[in-house]
Protein backbone atom coordinates (compact mmCIF):
# COMPACT_ATOMS: atom_id res chain seq x y z
CA MET A 1 -59.03 54.63 178.60
CA VAL A 2 -56.82 57.59 177.75
CA LEU A 3 -57.20 60.95 179.47
CA ARG A 4 -55.88 63.94 177.50
CA LEU A 5 -54.94 67.17 179.21
CA ASN A 6 -54.48 70.32 177.15
CA GLY A 7 -51.83 72.82 178.28
CA GLY A 8 -54.21 75.81 178.35
CA ALA A 9 -56.51 77.92 176.15
CA SER A 10 -53.72 79.27 173.92
CA ALA A 11 -51.80 76.00 173.79
CA ASP A 12 -51.24 74.12 170.55
CA PRO A 13 -54.06 71.48 170.40
CA THR A 14 -51.53 68.87 169.26
CA ASN A 15 -49.50 69.46 172.42
CA PHE A 16 -51.18 67.41 175.15
CA LEU A 17 -50.39 64.96 177.88
CA ALA A 18 -51.93 61.51 177.41
CA ILE A 19 -52.46 59.43 180.53
CA ALA A 20 -53.47 55.77 180.17
CA LEU A 21 -55.81 54.51 182.91
CA TYR A 22 -55.90 50.76 183.58
CA PRO A 23 -57.89 48.70 186.04
CA GLY A 24 -56.05 46.88 188.78
CA ILE A 25 -56.33 44.56 191.73
CA SER A 26 -54.92 44.96 195.21
CA ILE A 27 -53.49 41.76 196.56
CA TYR A 28 -53.44 41.26 200.32
CA GLY A 29 -51.37 38.33 201.39
CA GLN A 30 -48.17 36.96 202.83
CA VAL A 31 -45.07 38.91 201.77
CA GLY A 32 -42.65 36.65 199.85
CA ARG A 33 -45.42 34.21 198.79
CA SER A 34 -46.17 33.67 195.07
CA TYR A 35 -49.62 34.59 193.69
CA ARG A 36 -51.20 34.09 190.32
CA VAL A 37 -53.45 36.91 189.13
CA GLU A 38 -56.25 35.77 186.81
CA TYR A 39 -59.03 37.49 184.88
CA THR A 40 -62.25 36.67 183.04
CA ASN A 41 -64.63 38.81 181.01
CA SER A 42 -67.71 37.10 182.45
CA LEU A 43 -68.50 35.90 185.96
CA GLY A 44 -70.64 33.17 184.41
CA SER A 45 -67.52 31.68 182.84
CA THR A 46 -65.35 29.02 184.44
CA ASN A 47 -62.51 30.00 182.09
CA TRP A 48 -59.98 32.22 183.93
CA SER A 49 -56.86 33.42 182.09
CA VAL A 50 -53.52 34.17 183.74
CA LEU A 51 -52.63 37.86 183.77
CA THR A 52 -49.36 37.51 185.67
CA ASN A 53 -47.52 35.72 188.44
CA VAL A 54 -46.03 37.77 191.26
CA THR A 55 -44.08 37.22 194.44
CA LEU A 56 -45.61 39.66 196.89
CA PRO A 57 -43.02 42.34 197.80
CA LYS A 58 -45.44 44.05 200.23
CA SER A 59 -49.06 43.77 201.30
CA PRO A 60 -51.23 45.14 199.88
CA PHE A 61 -49.66 45.17 196.41
CA LEU A 62 -51.34 46.74 193.38
CA ILE A 63 -51.23 45.03 189.97
CA PHE A 64 -52.46 46.90 186.86
CA ASP A 65 -53.90 45.30 183.73
CA PRO A 66 -52.68 47.07 180.56
CA THR A 67 -54.20 44.23 178.47
CA SER A 68 -57.75 45.27 179.38
CA THR A 69 -58.07 47.76 176.55
CA GLY A 70 -61.22 47.06 174.51
CA ASN A 71 -62.86 44.96 177.25
CA PRO A 72 -65.68 46.91 178.88
CA THR A 73 -66.03 44.36 181.70
CA ARG A 74 -63.30 42.32 183.34
CA PHE A 75 -63.12 40.51 186.68
CA TYR A 76 -59.95 39.61 188.64
CA ARG A 77 -58.86 37.20 191.34
CA SER A 78 -55.60 36.24 192.97
CA VAL A 79 -54.69 32.65 193.78
CA GLY A 80 -51.84 31.65 196.05
CA ASN A 81 -49.37 29.26 194.46
């Protein structure tokens, strides 16, 4: 999703600020431990894909999903490695 903000009523309509909004997941866990973040487009599926691997620098830690564009529904989970 992209949010466009116009600079005002008299502003050039081609002059705008585009802000990309992505879903994310907050991971609560042990700082310094590795976690795998996975996603699926259907909860009925047993097929989870790896979004990223992260070593938790703090808890909670927020991970965004810029690959979600075009997917109206996506579910996430984190798994400790």
